[in-house]
Every structure is written in structure tokens, then in C-alpha cells.
Amino acid sequence: MYAVISSGGKQYKVQKGDILRVEKIAGEINDPVSFDKVLMFSENEQVNLGRPYLDNVAVQGHIVEQGKEKKILVFKYKRRKRYRRKQGHRQQYTAVKIDRIEA
């Protein structure tokens, strides 16, 4: 049994027990999280597709970790013009453990 959910503008395929890194969700560690935007749900050979979302399916989980990704460098450069810009960025994330898929 698995589902495809939408969170933070991205889509994720999840199963029970998966640990998923999504864009930051407000909350503390061990707080419950519910994903209502379920695009697809599959159980055995039966597949249900939403248009755009399924109404009677939700994915439940809890927050495992709040953190920041590794730093990426954004460097802009124009040759022969003495133009250089260097900027760093660390994206925040939330690690969520999937507890169950309710259908």
C-alpha cells in the first residue's frame, strides 16, 4: 500500500514507515502531521487517482527532526565587467515519519 502526496510544491511517494524530508512545517518533534493533498492511492492491484485530490484518503505521520540542509553557494559573474556576487543559502526541512495511510 502506498500513496502519492503533495507538500511544499513537490510530490512524494510514501509508504508506512518511510522517513520523508519535506519543506519546513511548523511544529515540534513528535507533533502529529496530516497530509490531505493525496494525488494517488494504491492498495494491492487497485489504484485510485484524484482529480486533483482524493477526498477520502489522508496520510498521517509525526515530526522526527527539524533542520537545515547543507549550504549551497549562489555565484553570479560577468566577465570583463568587474561584477561578482556571492551568496549562500541553507534550506530548512522537516523530517516526517509516516505512521499510517487512512483510506
PDB file of N, CA and C in Angstrom:
ATOM      1  N   MET A   1       0.843  -1.165   0.000  1.00  0.00           N
ATOM      2  CA  MET A   1       0.000   0.000   0.000  1.00  0.00           C
ATOM      3  C   MET A   1       0.896   1.238   0.000  1.00  0.00           C
ATOM      4  N   TYR A   2       0.636   2.178  -0.920  1.00  0.00           N
ATOM      5  CA  TYR A   2       1.385   3.417  -0.989  1.00  0.00           C
ATOM      6  C   TYR A   2       0.490   4.531  -1.479  1.00  0.00           C
ATOM      7  N   ALA A   3       0.973   5.761  -1.309  1.00  0.00           N
ATOM      8  CA  ALA A   3       0.226   6.936  -1.750  1.00  0.00           C
ATOM      9  C   ALA A   3       1.211   7.948  -2.315  1.00  0.00           C
ATOM     10  N   VAL A   4       0.701   8.847  -3.150  1.00  0.00           N
ATOM     11  CA  VAL A   4       1.488   9.960  -3.666  1.00  0.00           C
ATOM     12  C   VAL A   4       0.861  11.222  -3.095  1.00  0.00           C
ATOM     13  N   ILE A   5       1.671  11.989  -2.335  1.00  0.00           N
ATOM     14  CA  ILE A   5       1.160  13.198  -1.691  1.00  0.00           C
ATOM     15  C   ILE A   5       1.859  14.424  -2.258  1.00  0.00           C
ATOM     16  N   SER A   6       1.249  15.581  -2.029  1.00  0.00           N
ATOM     17  CA  SER A   6       1.822  16.850  -2.444  1.00  0.00           C
ATOM     18  C   SER A   6       2.088  17.680  -1.199  1.00  0.00           C
ATOM     19  N   SER A   7       3.335  18.186  -1.080  1.00  0.00           N
ATOM     20  CA  SER A   7       3.695  19.033   0.060  1.00  0.00           C
ATOM     21  C   SER A   7       4.799  19.980  -0.373  1.00  0.00           C
ATOM     22  N   GLY A   8       4.609  21.258  -0.133  1.00  0.00           N
ATOM     23  CA  GLY A   8       5.633  22.245  -0.469  1.00  0.00           C
ATOM     24  C   GLY A   8       5.877  22.376  -1.960  1.00  0.00           C
ATOM     25  N   GLY A   9       4.873  22.107  -2.776  1.00  0.00           N
ATOM     26  CA  GLY A   9       5.023  22.220  -4.225  1.00  0.00           C
ATOM     27  C   GLY A   9       5.703  21.028  -4.875  1.00  0.00           C
ATOM     28  N   LYS A  10       5.972  19.979  -4.109  1.00  0.00           N
ATOM     29  CA  LYS A  10       6.609  18.770  -4.646  1.00  0.00           C
ATOM     30  C   LYS A  10       5.730  17.571  -4.371  1.00  0.00           C
ATOM     31  N   GLN A  11       5.975  16.493  -5.097  1.00  0.00           N
ATOM     32  CA  GLN A  11       5.205  15.267  -4.930  1.00  0.00           C
ATOM     33  C   GLN A  11       6.110  14.164  -4.408  1.00  0.00           C
ATOM     34  N   TYR A  12       5.569  13.361  -3.474  1.00  0.00           N
ATOM     35  CA  TYR A  12       6.338  12.299  -2.835  1.00  0.00           C
ATOM     36  C   TYR A  12       5.534  11.012  -2.829  1.00  0.00           C
ATOM     37  N   LYS A  13       6.204   9.886  -3.114  1.00  0.00           N
ATOM     38  CA  LYS A  13       5.598   8.570  -2.981  1.00  0.00           C
ATOM     39  C   LYS A  13       5.935   8.064  -1.575  1.00  0.00           C
ATOM     40  N   VAL A  14       4.911   7.723  -0.780  1.00  0.00           N
ATOM     41  CA  VAL A  14       5.134   7.338   0.612  1.00  0.00           C
ATOM     42  C   VAL A  14       4.486   5.999   0.919  1.00  0.00           C
ATOM     43  N   GLN A  15       5.101   5.275   1.850  1.00  0.00           N
ATOM     44  CA  GLN A  15       4.574   4.038   2.399  1.00  0.00           C
ATOM     45  C   GLN A  15       4.661   4.130   3.911  1.00  0.00           C
ATOM     46  N   LYS A  16       3.996   3.223   4.604  1.00  0.00           N
ATOM     47  CA  LYS A  16       4.051   3.201   6.053  1.00  0.00           C
ATOM     48  C   LYS A  16       5.491   2.928   6.491  1.00  0.00           C
ATOM     49  N   GLY A  17       5.995   3.734   7.447  1.00  0.00           N
ATOM     50  CA  GLY A  17       7.348   3.556   7.970  1.00  0.00           C
ATOM     51  C   GLY A  17       8.410   4.385   7.273  1.00  0.00           C
ATOM     52  N   ASP A  18       8.079   5.047   6.173  1.00  0.00           N
ATOM     53  CA  ASP A  18       9.052   5.882   5.463  1.00  0.00           C
ATOM     54  C   ASP A  18       9.373   7.138   6.264  1.00  0.00           C
ATOM     55  N   ILE A  19      10.618   7.609   6.143  1.00  0.00           N
ATOM     56  CA  ILE A  19      11.009   8.903   6.690  1.00  0.00           C
ATOM     57  C   ILE A  19      11.195   9.835   5.505  1.00  0.00           C
ATOM     58  N   LEU A  20      10.479  10.933   5.530  1.00  0.00           N
ATOM     59  CA  LEU A  20      10.357  11.825   4.388  1.00  0.00           C
ATOM     60  C   LEU A  20      10.867  13.205   4.767  1.00  0.00           C
ATOM     61  N   ARG A  21      11.721  13.806   3.930  1.00  0.00           N
ATOM     62  CA  ARG A  21      12.187  15.182   4.151  1.00  0.00           C
ATOM     63  C   ARG A  21      11.379  16.109   3.262  1.00  0.00           C
ATOM     64  N   VAL A  22      10.579  16.960   3.875  1.00  0.00           N
ATOM     65  CA  VAL A  22       9.757  17.928   3.144  1.00  0.00           C
ATOM     66  C   VAL A  22      10.188  19.328   3.545  1.00  0.00           C
ATOM     67  N   GLU A  23       9.699  20.335   2.822  1.00  0.00           N
ATOM     68  CA  GLU A  23       9.999  21.704   3.203  1.00  0.00           C
ATOM     69  C   GLU A  23       9.401  21.981   4.569  1.00  0.00           C
ATOM     70  N   LYS A  24       9.964  22.956   5.271  1.00  0.00           N
ATOM     71  CA  LYS A  24       9.667  23.192   6.682  1.00  0.00           C
ATOM     72  C   LYS A  24       8.170  23.282   6.963  1.00  0.00           C
ATOM     73  N   ILE A  25       7.754  22.513   7.982  1.00  0.00           N
ATOM     74  CA  ILE A  25       6.395  22.540   8.501  1.00  0.00           C
ATOM     75  C   ILE A  25       6.504  23.000   9.953  1.00  0.00           C
ATOM     76  N   ALA A  26       5.652  23.921  10.361  1.00  0.00           N
ATOM     77  CA  ALA A  26       5.694  24.417  11.738  1.00  0.00           C
ATOM     78  C   ALA A  26       5.297  23.307  12.698  1.00  0.00           C
ATOM     79  N   GLY A  27       6.053  23.157  13.789  1.00  0.00           N
ATOM     80  CA  GLY A  27       5.746  22.158  14.797  1.00  0.00           C
ATOM     81  C   GLY A  27       6.991  21.692  15.514  1.00  0.00           C
ATOM     82  N   GLU A  28       6.770  20.995  16.618  1.00  0.00           N
ATOM     83  CA  GLU A  28       7.850  20.446  17.414  1.00  0.00           C
ATOM     84  C   GLU A  28       8.037  18.965  17.099  1.00  0.00           C
ATOM     85  N   ILE A  29       9.133  18.391  17.605  1.00  0.00           N
ATOM     86  CA  ILE A  29       9.397  16.965  17.415  1.00  0.00           C
ATOM     87  C   ILE A  29       8.296  16.162  18.109  1.00  0.00           C
ATOM     88  N   ASN A  30       7.838  15.096  17.464  1.00  0.00           N
ATOM     89  CA  ASN A  30       6.752  14.194  17.894  1.00  0.00           C
ATOM     90  C   ASN A  30       5.362  14.796  17.737  1.00  0.00           C
ATOM     91  N   ASP A  31       5.226  15.991  17.142  1.00  0.00           N
ATOM     92  CA  ASP A  31       3.897  16.527  16.845  1.00  0.00           C
ATOM     93  C   ASP A  31       3.307  15.769  15.660  1.00  0.00           C
ATOM     94  N   PRO A  32       1.989  15.494  15.681  1.00  0.00           N
ATOM     95  CA  PRO A  32       1.365  14.799  14.550  1.00  0.00           C
ATOM     96  C   PRO A  32       1.236  15.706  13.332  1.00  0.00           C
ATOM     97  N   VAL A  33       1.350  15.105  12.151  1.00  0.00           N
ATOM     98  CA  VAL A  33       1.226  15.818  10.882  1.00  0.00           C
ATOM     99  C   VAL A  33       0.268  15.036  10.000  1.00  0.00           C
ATOM    100  N   SER A  34      -0.614  15.753   9.314  1.00  0.00           N
ATOM    101  CA  SER A  34      -1.551  15.112   8.397  1.00  0.00           C
ATOM    102  C   SER A  34      -1.395  15.727   7.011  1.00  0.00           C
ATOM    103  N   PHE A  35      -1.261  14.884   5.999  1.00  0.00           N
ATOM    104  CA  PHE A  35      -1.182  15.329   4.607  1.00  0.00           C
ATOM    105  C   PHE A  35      -2.518  15.005   3.947  1.00  0.00           C
ATOM    106  N   ASP A  36      -3.275  16.057   3.591  1.00  0.00           N
ATOM    107  CA  ASP A  36      -4.595  15.868   2.997  1.00  0.00           C
ATOM    108  C   ASP A  36      -4.565  15.904   1.474  1.00  0.00           C
ATOM    109  N   LYS A  37      -3.503  16.447   0.901  1.00  0.00           N
ATOM    110  CA  LYS A  37      -3.409  16.538  -0.551  1.00  0.00           C
ATOM    111  C   LYS A  37      -2.836  15.233  -1.105  1.00  0.00           C
ATOM    112  N   VAL A  38      -3.685  14.221  -1.217  1.00  0.00           N
ATOM    113  CA  VAL A  38      -3.284  12.909  -1.728  1.00  0.00           C
ATOM    114  C   VAL A  38      -3.689  12.836  -3.196  1.00  0.00           C
ATOM    115  N   LEU A  39      -2.699  12.646  -4.067  1.00  0.00           N
ATOM    116  CA  LEU A  39      -2.938  12.614  -5.506  1.00  0.00           C
ATOM    117  C   LEU A  39      -3.299  11.220  -6.001  1.00  0.00           C
ATOM    118  N   MET A  40      -2.712  10.184  -5.363  1.00  0.00           N
ATOM    119  CA  MET A  40      -2.945   8.813  -5.798  1.00  0.00           C
ATOM    120  C   MET A  40      -2.837   7.882  -4.603  1.00  0.00           C
ATOM    121  N   PHE A  41      -3.636   6.830  -4.610  1.00  0.00           N
ATOM    122  CA  PHE A  41      -3.613   5.830  -3.550  1.00  0.00           C
ATOM    123  C   PHE A  41      -3.697   4.462  -4.189  1.00  0.00           C
ATOM    124  N   SER A  42      -2.815   3.540  -3.767  1.00  0.00           N
ATOM    125  CA  SER A  42      -2.790   2.202  -4.333  1.00  0.00           C
ATOM    126  C   SER A  42      -2.782   1.175  -3.211  1.00  0.00           C
ATOM    127  N   GLU A  43      -3.702   0.215  -3.311  1.00  0.00           N
ATOM    128  CA  GLU A  43      -3.757  -0.886  -2.360  1.00  0.00           C
ATOM    129  C   GLU A  43      -3.928  -2.166  -3.168  1.00  0.00           C
ATOM    130  N   ASN A  44      -2.945  -3.075  -3.037  1.00  0.00           N
ATOM    131  CA  ASN A  44      -2.881  -4.299  -3.838  1.00  0.00           C
ATOM    132  C   ASN A  44      -2.876  -3.931  -5.312  1.00  0.00           C
ATOM    133  N   GLU A  45      -3.865  -4.357  -6.080  1.00  0.00           N
ATOM    134  CA  GLU A  45      -3.922  -4.050  -7.516  1.00  0.00           C
ATOM    135  C   GLU A  45      -4.850  -2.879  -7.819  1.00  0.00           C
ATOM    136  N   GLN A  46      -5.542  -2.360  -6.806  1.00  0.00           N
ATOM    137  CA  GLN A  46      -6.498  -1.274  -7.015  1.00  0.00           C
ATOM    138  C   GLN A  46      -5.800   0.072  -6.900  1.00  0.00           C
ATOM    139  N   VAL A  47      -5.955   0.928  -7.923  1.00  0.00           N
ATOM    140  CA  VAL A  47      -5.325   2.243  -7.943  1.00  0.00           C
ATOM    141  C   VAL A  47      -6.415   3.296  -8.049  1.00  0.00           C
ATOM    142  N   ASN A  48      -6.368   4.288  -7.145  1.00  0.00           N
ATOM    143  CA  ASN A  48      -7.324   5.393  -7.163  1.00  0.00           C
ATOM    144  C   ASN A  48      -6.588   6.683  -7.475  1.00  0.00           C
ATOM    145  N   LEU A  49      -7.051   7.406  -8.484  1.00  0.00           N
ATOM    146  CA  LEU A  49      -6.455   8.680  -8.866  1.00  0.00           C
ATOM    147  C   LEU A  49      -7.403   9.811  -8.511  1.00  0.00           C
ATOM    148  N   GLY A  50      -6.857  10.912  -8.024  1.00  0.00           N
ATOM    149  CA  GLY A  50      -7.666  12.070  -7.688  1.00  0.00           C
ATOM    150  C   GLY A  50      -7.672  13.073  -8.814  1.00  0.00           C
ATOM    151  N   ARG A  51      -8.737  13.896  -8.817  1.00  0.00           N
ATOM    152  CA  ARG A  51      -8.853  14.941  -9.834  1.00  0.00           C
ATOM    153  C   ARG A  51      -9.155  16.258  -9.147  1.00  0.00           C
ATOM    154  N   PRO A  52      -8.240  17.009  -8.608  1.00  0.00           N
ATOM    155  CA  PRO A  52      -6.817  16.720  -8.495  1.00  0.00           C
ATOM    156  C   PRO A  52      -6.466  15.909  -7.250  1.00  0.00           C
ATOM    157  N   TYR A  53      -7.322  15.959  -6.183  1.00  0.00           N
ATOM    158  CA  TYR A  53      -7.002  15.254  -4.949  1.00  0.00           C
ATOM    159  C   TYR A  53      -8.097  14.258  -4.593  1.00  0.00           C
ATOM    160  N   LEU A  54      -7.722  13.247  -3.805  1.00  0.00           N
ATOM    161  CA  LEU A  54      -8.688  12.286  -3.284  1.00  0.00           C
ATOM    162  C   LEU A  54      -9.288  12.841  -1.991  1.00  0.00           C
ATOM    163  N   ASP A  55     -10.616  12.726  -1.846  1.00  0.00           N
ATOM    164  CA  ASP A  55     -11.288  13.306  -0.688  1.00  0.00           C
ATOM    165  C   ASP A  55     -11.227  12.405   0.542  1.00  0.00           C
ATOM    166  N   ASN A  56     -11.303  11.098   0.356  1.00  0.00           N
ATOM    167  CA  ASN A  56     -11.453  10.190   1.490  1.00  0.00           C
ATOM    168  C   ASN A  56     -10.147   9.526   1.925  1.00  0.00           C
ATOM    169  N   VAL A  57      -8.993  10.080   1.534  1.00  0.00           N
ATOM    170  CA  VAL A  57      -7.700   9.493   1.882  1.00  0.00           C
ATOM    171  C   VAL A  57      -6.840  10.563   2.551  1.00  0.00           C
ATOM    172  N   ALA A  58      -6.165  10.173   3.645  1.00  0.00           N
ATOM    173  CA  ALA A  58      -5.232  11.071   4.337  1.00  0.00           C
ATOM    174  C   ALA A  58      -4.023  10.263   4.784  1.00  0.00           C
ATOM    175  N   VAL A  59      -2.880  10.913   4.843  1.00  0.00           N
ATOM    176  CA  VAL A  59      -1.647  10.280   5.290  1.00  0.00           C
ATOM    177  C   VAL A  59      -1.269  10.909   6.631  1.00  0.00           C
ATOM    178  N   GLN A  60      -1.092  10.073   7.655  1.00  0.00           N
ATOM    179  CA  GLN A  60      -0.772  10.536   8.997  1.00  0.00           C
ATOM    180  C   GLN A  60       0.684  10.222   9.312  1.00  0.00           C
ATOM    181  N   GLY A  61       1.335  11.111  10.050  1.00  0.00           N
ATOM    182  CA  GLY A  61       2.717  10.895  10.462  1.00  0.00           C
ATOM    183  C   GLY A  61       3.058  11.772  11.646  1.00  0.00           C
ATOM    184  N   HIS A  62       4.332  11.756  12.041  1.00  0.00           N
ATOM    185  CA  HIS A  62       4.785  12.639  13.105  1.00  0.00           C
ATOM    186  C   HIS A  62       6.169  13.168  12.765  1.00  0.00           C
ATOM    187  N   ILE A  63       6.488  14.344  13.316  1.00  0.00           N
ATOM    188  CA  ILE A  63       7.749  15.020  13.032  1.00  0.00           C
ATOM    189  C   ILE A  63       8.883  14.329  13.783  1.00  0.00           C
ATOM    190  N   VAL A  64       9.941  13.997  13.059  1.00  0.00           N
ATOM    191  CA  VAL A  64      11.104  13.335  13.640  1.00  0.00           C
ATOM    192  C   VAL A  64      12.234  14.341  13.866  1.00  0.00           C
ATOM    193  N   GLU A  65      12.392  15.301  12.941  1.00  0.00           N
ATOM    194  CA  GLU A  65      13.533  16.214  13.009  1.00  0.00           C
ATOM    195  C   GLU A  65      13.200  17.521  12.302  1.00  0.00           C
ATOM    196  N   GLN A  66      13.737  18.625  12.819  1.00  0.00           N
ATOM    197  CA  GLN A  66      13.712  19.917  12.145  1.00  0.00           C
ATOM    198  C   GLN A  66      15.170  20.302  11.914  1.00  0.00           C
ATOM    199  N   GLY A  67      15.525  20.726  10.709  1.00  0.00           N
ATOM    200  CA  GLY A  67      16.929  21.054  10.471  1.00  0.00           C
ATOM    201  C   GLY A  67      17.136  21.892   9.230  1.00  0.00           C
ATOM    202  N   LYS A  68      18.422  22.035   8.866  1.00  0.00           N
ATOM    203  CA  LYS A  68      18.804  22.764   7.666  1.00  0.00           C
ATOM    204  C   LYS A  68      19.669  21.872   6.786  1.00  0.00           C
ATOM    205  N   GLU A  69      19.513  22.017   5.488  1.00  0.00           N
ATOM    206  CA  GLU A  69      20.317  21.271   4.521  1.00  0.00           C
ATOM    207  C   GLU A  69      21.735  21.837   4.493  1.00  0.00           C
ATOM    208  N   LYS A  70      22.615  21.196   3.705  1.00  0.00           N
ATOM    209  CA  LYS A  70      23.958  21.718   3.505  1.00  0.00           C
ATOM    210  C   LYS A  70      23.880  23.040   2.746  1.00  0.00           C
ATOM    211  N   LYS A  71      24.882  23.886   2.966  1.00  0.00           N
ATOM    212  CA  LYS A  71      24.890  25.191   2.320  1.00  0.00           C
ATOM    213  C   LYS A  71      25.204  25.051   0.830  1.00  0.00           C
ATOM    214  N   ILE A  72      24.435  25.786   0.024  1.00  0.00           N
ATOM    215  CA  ILE A  72      24.756  25.888  -1.395  1.00  0.00           C
ATOM    216  C   ILE A  72      25.222  27.312  -1.664  1.00  0.00           C
ATOM    217  N   LEU A  73      26.126  27.472  -2.623  1.00  0.00           N
ATOM    218  CA  LEU A  73      26.627  28.789  -2.975  1.00  0.00           C
ATOM    219  C   LEU A  73      26.000  29.244  -4.279  1.00  0.00           C
ATOM    220  N   VAL A  74      25.534  30.476  -4.275  1.00  0.00           N
ATOM    221  CA  VAL A  74      24.988  31.109  -5.474  1.00  0.00           C
ATOM    222  C   VAL A  74      26.002  32.159  -5.900  1.00  0.00           C
ATOM    223  N   PHE A  75      26.613  31.973  -7.071  1.00  0.00           N
ATOM    224  CA  PHE A  75      27.674  32.862  -7.524  1.00  0.00           C
ATOM    225  C   PHE A  75      27.318  33.416  -8.890  1.00  0.00           C
ATOM    226  N   LYS A  76      27.222  34.745  -8.967  1.00  0.00           N
ATOM    227  CA  LYS A  76      26.945  35.415 -10.238  1.00  0.00           C
ATOM    228  C   LYS A  76      28.223  36.110 -10.691  1.00  0.00           C
ATOM    229  N   TYR A  77      28.495  36.072 -12.004  1.00  0.00           N
ATOM    230  CA  TYR A  77      29.749  36.597 -12.524  1.00  0.00           C
ATOM    231  C   TYR A  77      29.554  37.047 -13.957  1.00  0.00           C
ATOM    232  N   LYS A  78      30.054  38.251 -14.260  1.00  0.00           N
ATOM    233  CA  LYS A  78      30.063  38.720 -15.641  1.00  0.00           C
ATOM    234  C   LYS A  78      31.502  39.066 -16.002  1.00  0.00           C
ATOM    235  N   ARG A  79      31.989  38.417 -17.019  1.00  0.00           N
ATOM    236  CA  ARG A  79      33.395  38.605 -17.384  1.00  0.00           C
ATOM    237  C   ARG A  79      33.640  40.022 -17.920  1.00  0.00           C
ATOM    238  N   ARG A  80      34.823  40.515 -17.637  1.00  0.00           N
ATOM    239  CA  ARG A  80      35.315  41.820 -18.107  1.00  0.00           C
ATOM    240  C   ARG A  80      34.501  43.012 -17.596  1.00  0.00           C
ATOM    241  N   LYS A  81      33.617  42.813 -16.636  1.00  0.00           N
ATOM    242  CA  LYS A  81      32.785  43.912 -16.145  1.00  0.00           C
ATOM    243  C   LYS A  81      32.973  44.185 -14.649  1.00  0.00           C
ATOM    244  N   ARG A  82      33.881  43.456 -14.005  1.00  0.00           N
ATOM    245  CA  ARG A  82      34.130  43.570 -12.569  1.00  0.00           C
ATOM    246  C   ARG A  82      32.855  43.346 -11.753  1.00  0.00           C
ATOM    247  N   TYR A  83      32.056  42.395 -12.180  1.00  0.00           N
ATOM    248  CA  TYR A  83      30.799  42.098 -11.480  1.00  0.00           C
ATOM    249  C   TYR A  83      30.865  40.691 -10.899  1.00  0.00           C
ATOM    250  N   ARG A  84      30.829  40.603  -9.574  1.00  0.00           N
ATOM    251  CA  ARG A  84      30.798  39.315  -8.887  1.00  0.00           C
ATOM    252  C   ARG A  84      29.863  39.436  -7.699  1.00  0.00           C
ATOM    253  N   ARG A  85      28.991  38.433  -7.507  1.00  0.00           N
ATOM    254  CA  ARG A  85      28.112  38.379  -6.346  1.00  0.00           C
ATOM    255  C   ARG A  85      28.136  36.961  -5.799  1.00  0.00           C
ATOM    256  N   LYS A  86      28.429  36.830  -4.516  1.00  0.00           N
ATOM    257  CA  LYS A  86      28.470  35.519  -3.883  1.00  0.00           C
ATOM    258  C   LYS A  86      27.462  35.514  -2.740  1.00  0.00           C
ATOM    259  N   GLN A  87      26.626  34.486  -2.733  1.00  0.00           N
ATOM    260  CA  GLN A  87      25.584  34.387  -1.716  1.00  0.00           C
ATOM    261  C   GLN A  87      25.424  32.929  -1.326  1.00  0.00           C
ATOM    262  N   GLY A  88      25.198  32.667  -0.045  1.00  0.00           N
ATOM    263  CA  GLY A  88      24.970  31.304   0.432  1.00  0.00           C
ATOM    264  C   GLY A  88      23.524  31.123   0.859  1.00  0.00           C
ATOM    265  N   HIS A  89      23.077  29.869   0.871  1.00  0.00           N
ATOM    266  CA  HIS A  89      21.694  29.582   1.242  1.00  0.00           C
ATOM    267  C   HIS A  89      21.612  28.195   1.864  1.00  0.00           C
ATOM    268  N   ARG A  90      20.877  28.071   2.980  1.00  0.00           N
ATOM    269  CA  ARG A  90      20.607  26.782   3.613  1.00  0.00           C
ATOM    270  C   ARG A  90      19.102  26.624   3.722  1.00  0.00           C
ATOM    271  N   GLN A  91      18.567  25.641   3.022  1.00  0.00           N
ATOM    272  CA  GLN A  91      17.123  25.408   3.012  1.00  0.00           C
ATOM    273  C   GLN A  91      16.713  24.646   4.269  1.00  0.00           C
ATOM    274  N   GLN A  92      15.643  25.099   4.927  1.00  0.00           N
ATOM    275  CA  GLN A  92      15.133  24.415   6.104  1.00  0.00           C
ATOM    276  C   GLN A  92      14.255  23.251   5.680  1.00  0.00           C
ATOM    277  N   TYR A  93      14.277  22.163   6.481  1.00  0.00           N
ATOM    278  CA  TYR A  93      13.470  20.991   6.169  1.00  0.00           C
ATOM    279  C   TYR A  93      12.860  20.423   7.436  1.00  0.00           C
ATOM    280  N   THR A  94      11.876  19.560   7.259  1.00  0.00           N
ATOM    281  CA  THR A  94      11.252  18.815   8.342  1.00  0.00           C
ATOM    282  C   THR A  94      11.257  17.359   7.941  1.00  0.00           C
ATOM    283  N   ALA A  95      11.781  16.491   8.800  1.00  0.00           N
ATOM    284  CA  ALA A  95      11.759  15.051   8.560  1.00  0.00           C
ATOM    285  C   ALA A  95      10.501  14.491   9.230  1.00  0.00           C
ATOM    286  N   VAL A  96       9.687  13.781   8.444  1.00  0.00           N
ATOM    287  CA  VAL A  96       8.418  13.249   8.914  1.00  0.00           C
ATOM    288  C   VAL A  96       8.434  11.725   8.745  1.00  0.00           C
ATOM    289  N   LYS A  97       8.052  10.992   9.786  1.00  0.00           N
ATOM    290  CA  LYS A  97       7.895   9.538   9.685  1.00  0.00           C
ATOM    291  C   LYS A  97       6.433   9.244   9.436  1.00  0.00           C
ATOM    292  N   ILE A  98       6.153   8.439   8.417  1.00  0.00           N
ATOM    293  CA  ILE A  98       4.786   8.104   8.038  1.00  0.00           C
ATOM    294  C   ILE A  98       4.289   6.982   8.926  1.00  0.00           C
ATOM    295  N   ASP A  99       3.186   7.232   9.651  1.00  0.00           N
ATOM    296  CA  ASP A  99       2.623   6.246  10.567  1.00  0.00           C
ATOM    297  C   ASP A  99       1.581   5.366   9.890  1.00  0.00           C
ATOM    298  N   ARG A 100       0.672   5.990   9.147  1.00  0.00           N
ATOM    299  CA  ARG A 100      -0.392   5.204   8.510  1.00  0.00           C
ATOM    300  C   ARG A 100      -1.005   5.984   7.346  1.00  0.00           C
ATOM    301  N   ILE A 101      -1.628   5.220   6.469  1.00  0.00           N
ATOM    302  CA  ILE A 101      -2.379   5.800   5.349  1.00  0.00           C
ATOM    303  C   ILE A 101      -3.836   5.411   5.568  1.00  0.00           C
ATOM    304  N   GLU A 102      -4.684   6.413   5.797  1.00  0.00           N
ATOM    305  CA  GLU A 102      -6.097   6.160   6.070  1.00  0.00           C
ATOM    306  C   GLU A 102      -6.901   6.312   4.794  1.00  0.00           C
ATOM    307  N   ALA A 103      -7.647   5.265   4.470  1.00  0.00           N
ATOM    308  CA  ALA A 103      -8.484   5.318   3.274  1.00  0.00           C
ATOM    309  C   ALA A 103      -9.942   5.124   3.664  1.00  0.00           C
TER     310      ALA A 103
END
